[in-house]
Amino acid sequence: MRAIITINGREYAATLPDNDTVRQLAAQFPINETFQKSGNHEFFCKLKKGVDVSELSGTSDIHKNGIYYFEGWRALSFVYRDMNISPYKVVLLGNFNDDVCPVLEAAEVDVTIGMEAVE
């Protein structure tokens, strides 16, 4: 699945695999939320509804330009810095096609981000 993610009014393409978890996320599109900077490595928001991640493996090693989900908080996360977040584990939902790290690193503490599927 391809998605368009709008950060501060600028659009970025992302690719997400075809699986049940991503389909559950896409059922919530369009998402327009205020994302908060956290840990100097990501922006996240709590989704209104969680998604089932039981078919996916969790990881503590996150990578820049990755789109992740943390089940414990129903958190959708966009990562701009490689990091090990042990003891926490997240699941990878997809990746930005372009490098959005400079944009996220320079962003304020809160940023409005939209996400929608494209054909």
C-alpha atoms as a PDB file:
ATOM      1  CA  MET A   1       0.000   0.000   0.000  1.00  0.00           C
ATOM      2  CA  ARG A   2       1.140   3.506  -0.737  1.00  0.00           C
ATOM      3  CA  ALA A   3       0.336   6.310   1.656  1.00  0.00           C
ATOM      4  CA  ILE A   4       0.749  10.062   1.570  1.00  0.00           C
ATOM      5  CA  ILE A   5       1.865  11.612   4.836  1.00  0.00           C
ATOM      6  CA  THR A   6       1.545  15.379   5.171  1.00  0.00           C
ATOM      7  CA  ILE A   7       3.963  17.053   7.579  1.00  0.00           C
ATOM      8  CA  ASN A   8       3.599  20.800   8.050  1.00  0.00           C
ATOM      9  CA  GLY A   9       1.739  21.035   4.746  1.00  0.00           C
ATOM     10  CA  ARG A  10       4.300  19.119   2.669  1.00  0.00           C
ATOM     11  CA  GLU A  11       3.486  15.665   1.270  1.00  0.00           C
ATOM     12  CA  TYR A  12       5.746  12.614   1.522  1.00  0.00           C
ATOM     13  CA  ALA A  13       5.151   9.147   0.075  1.00  0.00           C
ATOM     14  CA  ALA A  14       5.416   6.010   2.176  1.00  0.00           C
ATOM     15  CA  THR A  15       5.148   2.313   1.429  1.00  0.00           C
ATOM     16  CA  LEU A  16       3.355  -0.070   3.786  1.00  0.00           C
ATOM     17  CA  PRO A  17       3.155  -3.848   3.319  1.00  0.00           C
ATOM     18  CA  ASP A  18      -0.114  -5.616   2.614  1.00  0.00           C
ATOM     19  CA  ASN A  19      -1.042  -7.295   5.904  1.00  0.00           C
ATOM     20  CA  ASP A  20      -3.946  -7.310   8.385  1.00  0.00           C
ATOM     21  CA  THR A  21      -2.294  -4.783  10.705  1.00  0.00           C
ATOM     22  CA  VAL A  22      -1.789  -2.220   7.937  1.00  0.00           C
ATOM     23  CA  ARG A  23      -5.331  -2.799   6.649  1.00  0.00           C
ATOM     24  CA  GLN A  24      -6.647  -2.058  10.168  1.00  0.00           C
ATOM     25  CA  LEU A  25      -4.585   1.123  10.243  1.00  0.00           C
ATOM     26  CA  ALA A  26      -5.805   2.132   6.769  1.00  0.00           C
ATOM     27  CA  ALA A  27      -9.412   1.682   7.937  1.00  0.00           C
ATOM     28  CA  GLN A  28      -8.742   4.673  10.223  1.00  0.00           C
ATOM     29  CA  PHE A  29      -7.585   6.918   7.340  1.00  0.00           C
ATOM     30  CA  PRO A  30      -7.556   9.770   6.888  1.00  0.00           C
ATOM     31  CA  ILE A  31      -5.612  10.419  10.074  1.00  0.00           C
ATOM     32  CA  ASN A  32      -5.063  14.069  10.997  1.00  0.00           C
ATOM     33  CA  GLU A  33      -3.483  14.378  14.415  1.00  0.00           C
ATOM     34  CA  THR A  34      -1.043  16.407  16.435  1.00  0.00           C
ATOM     35  CA  PHE A  35       2.108  14.323  16.843  1.00  0.00           C
ATOM     36  CA  GLN A  36       4.459  14.950  19.764  1.00  0.00           C
ATOM     37  CA  LYS A  37       8.241  14.791  19.683  1.00  0.00           C
ATOM     38  CA  SER A  38       9.550  12.098  22.004  1.00  0.00           C
ATOM     39  CA  GLY A  39      13.014  10.995  23.055  1.00  0.00           C
ATOM     40  CA  ASN A  40      14.725  13.103  20.383  1.00  0.00           C
ATOM     41  CA  HIS A  41      14.149  10.300  17.872  1.00  0.00           C
ATOM     42  CA  GLU A  42      10.457  10.210  16.915  1.00  0.00           C
ATOM     43  CA  PHE A  43       7.088  11.898  16.604  1.00  0.00           C
ATOM     44  CA  PHE A  44       4.063   9.933  17.788  1.00  0.00           C
ATOM     45  CA  CYS A  45       0.329  10.155  18.348  1.00  0.00           C
ATOM     46  CA  LYS A  46      -2.131   7.891  20.097  1.00  0.00           C
ATOM     47  CA  LEU A  47      -4.600   6.400  17.647  1.00  0.00           C
ATOM     48  CA  LYS A  48      -8.281   6.473  18.543  1.00  0.00           C
ATOM     49  CA  LYS A  49      -8.460   2.733  17.914  1.00  0.00           C
ATOM     50  CA  GLY A  50      -5.703   0.149  18.289  1.00  0.00           C
ATOM     51  CA  VAL A  51      -4.614  -2.359  15.669  1.00  0.00           C
ATOM     52  CA  ASP A  52      -3.844  -6.059  16.114  1.00  0.00           C
ATOM     53  CA  VAL A  53      -0.112  -6.706  15.728  1.00  0.00           C
ATOM     54  CA  SER A  54      -0.138 -10.405  16.616  1.00  0.00           C
ATOM     55  CA  GLU A  55       1.035 -11.446  13.134  1.00  0.00           C
ATOM     56  CA  LEU A  56       4.088  -9.163  13.244  1.00  0.00           C
ATOM     57  CA  SER A  57       7.372  -9.438  15.142  1.00  0.00           C
ATOM     58  CA  GLY A  58       8.358  -6.684  17.519  1.00  0.00           C
ATOM     59  CA  THR A  59      11.747  -4.999  17.596  1.00  0.00           C
ATOM     60  CA  SER A  60      13.655  -2.668  19.875  1.00  0.00           C
ATOM     61  CA  ASP A  61      15.932  -1.504  17.039  1.00  0.00           C
ATOM     62  CA  ILE A  62      14.209   1.345  15.230  1.00  0.00           C
ATOM     63  CA  HIS A  63      15.490   3.009  12.078  1.00  0.00           C
ATOM     64  CA  LYS A  64      15.107   6.480  10.628  1.00  0.00           C
ATOM     65  CA  ASN A  65      12.322   6.979   8.097  1.00  0.00           C
ATOM     66  CA  GLY A  66      10.472   4.051   9.651  1.00  0.00           C
ATOM     67  CA  ILE A  67       6.788   4.052  10.534  1.00  0.00           C
ATOM     68  CA  TYR A  68       6.162   2.078  13.720  1.00  0.00           C
ATOM     69  CA  TYR A  69       3.350   1.108  16.055  1.00  0.00           C
ATOM     70  CA  PHE A  70       3.609   0.650  19.833  1.00  0.00           C
ATOM     71  CA  GLU A  71       0.699  -1.478  20.988  1.00  0.00           C
ATOM     72  CA  GLY A  72       0.974  -0.458  24.662  1.00  0.00           C
ATOM     73  CA  TRP A  73      -0.053   3.133  23.883  1.00  0.00           C
ATOM     74  CA  ARG A  74      -1.823   2.619  20.512  1.00  0.00           C
ATOM     75  CA  ALA A  75       0.973   4.890  19.271  1.00  0.00           C
ATOM     76  CA  LEU A  76       1.738   5.543  15.614  1.00  0.00           C
ATOM     77  CA  SER A  77       5.326   6.732  15.351  1.00  0.00           C
ATOM     78  CA  PHE A  78       7.519   8.328  12.680  1.00  0.00           C
ATOM     79  CA  VAL A  79      11.206   7.836  13.467  1.00  0.00           C
ATOM     80  CA  TYR A  80      13.974  10.246  12.460  1.00  0.00           C
ATOM     81  CA  ARG A  81      16.953   8.712  14.281  1.00  0.00           C
ATOM     82  CA  ASP A  82      18.242   5.117  14.532  1.00  0.00           C
ATOM     83  CA  MET A  83      18.020   3.902  18.101  1.00  0.00           C
ATOM     84  CA  ASN A  84      17.594   0.931  20.394  1.00  0.00           C
ATOM     85  CA  ILE A  85      14.542   1.527  22.581  1.00  0.00           C
ATOM     86  CA  SER A  86      14.889  -1.511  24.880  1.00  0.00           C
ATOM     87  CA  PRO A  87      12.988  -2.662  26.851  1.00  0.00           C
ATOM     88  CA  TYR A  88      10.181  -1.410  24.584  1.00  0.00           C
ATOM     89  CA  LYS A  89       9.221  -3.227  21.395  1.00  0.00           C
ATOM     90  CA  VAL A  90       7.409  -1.808  18.389  1.00  0.00           C
ATOM     91  CA  VAL A  91       6.315  -3.236  15.057  1.00  0.00           C
ATOM     92  CA  LEU A  92       7.423  -1.828  11.733  1.00  0.00           C
ATOM     93  CA  LEU A  93       4.444  -0.740   9.627  1.00  0.00           C
ATOM     94  CA  GLY A  94       6.362   0.697   6.687  1.00  0.00           C
ATOM     95  CA  ASN A  95       8.872   3.267   5.534  1.00  0.00           C
ATOM     96  CA  PHE A  96       8.958   6.709   4.004  1.00  0.00           C
ATOM     97  CA  ASN A  97      10.108   6.607   0.383  1.00  0.00           C
ATOM     98  CA  ASP A  98      12.093   9.817   0.875  1.00  0.00           C
ATOM     99  CA  ASP A  99      14.264  11.012   3.742  1.00  0.00           C
ATOM    100  CA  VAL A 100      11.991  12.975   6.099  1.00  0.00           C
ATOM    101  CA  CYS A 101      14.544  13.041   8.916  1.00  0.00           C
ATOM    102  CA  PRO A 102      15.716  16.645   8.386  1.00  0.00           C
ATOM    103  CA  VAL A 103      12.096  17.848   8.422  1.00  0.00           C
ATOM    104  CA  LEU A 104      11.243  15.967  11.606  1.00  0.00           C
ATOM    105  CA  GLU A 105      14.489  16.889  13.361  1.00  0.00           C
ATOM    106  CA  ALA A 106      13.825  20.582  12.707  1.00  0.00           C
ATOM    107  CA  ALA A 107      10.152  20.436  13.688  1.00  0.00           C
ATOM    108  CA  GLU A 108       8.739  21.907  16.870  1.00  0.00           C
ATOM    109  CA  VAL A 109       7.635  19.789  19.835  1.00  0.00           C
ATOM    110  CA  ASP A 110       4.154  19.292  18.309  1.00  0.00           C
ATOM    111  CA  VAL A 111       3.428  18.987  14.609  1.00  0.00           C
ATOM    112  CA  THR A 112       0.234  18.318  12.689  1.00  0.00           C
ATOM    113  CA  ILE A 113       0.557  15.246  10.526  1.00  0.00           C
ATOM    114  CA  GLY A 114      -1.975  13.714   8.143  1.00  0.00           C
ATOM    115  CA  MET A 115      -1.912  10.244   6.646  1.00  0.00           C
ATOM    116  CA  GLU A 116      -4.051   8.747   3.885  1.00  0.00           C
ATOM    117  CA  ALA A 117      -3.921   5.891   1.407  1.00  0.00           C
ATOM    118  CA  VAL A 118      -3.396   6.472  -2.316  1.00  0.00           C
ATOM    119  CA  GLU A 119      -4.108   4.205  -5.264  1.00  0.00           C
END
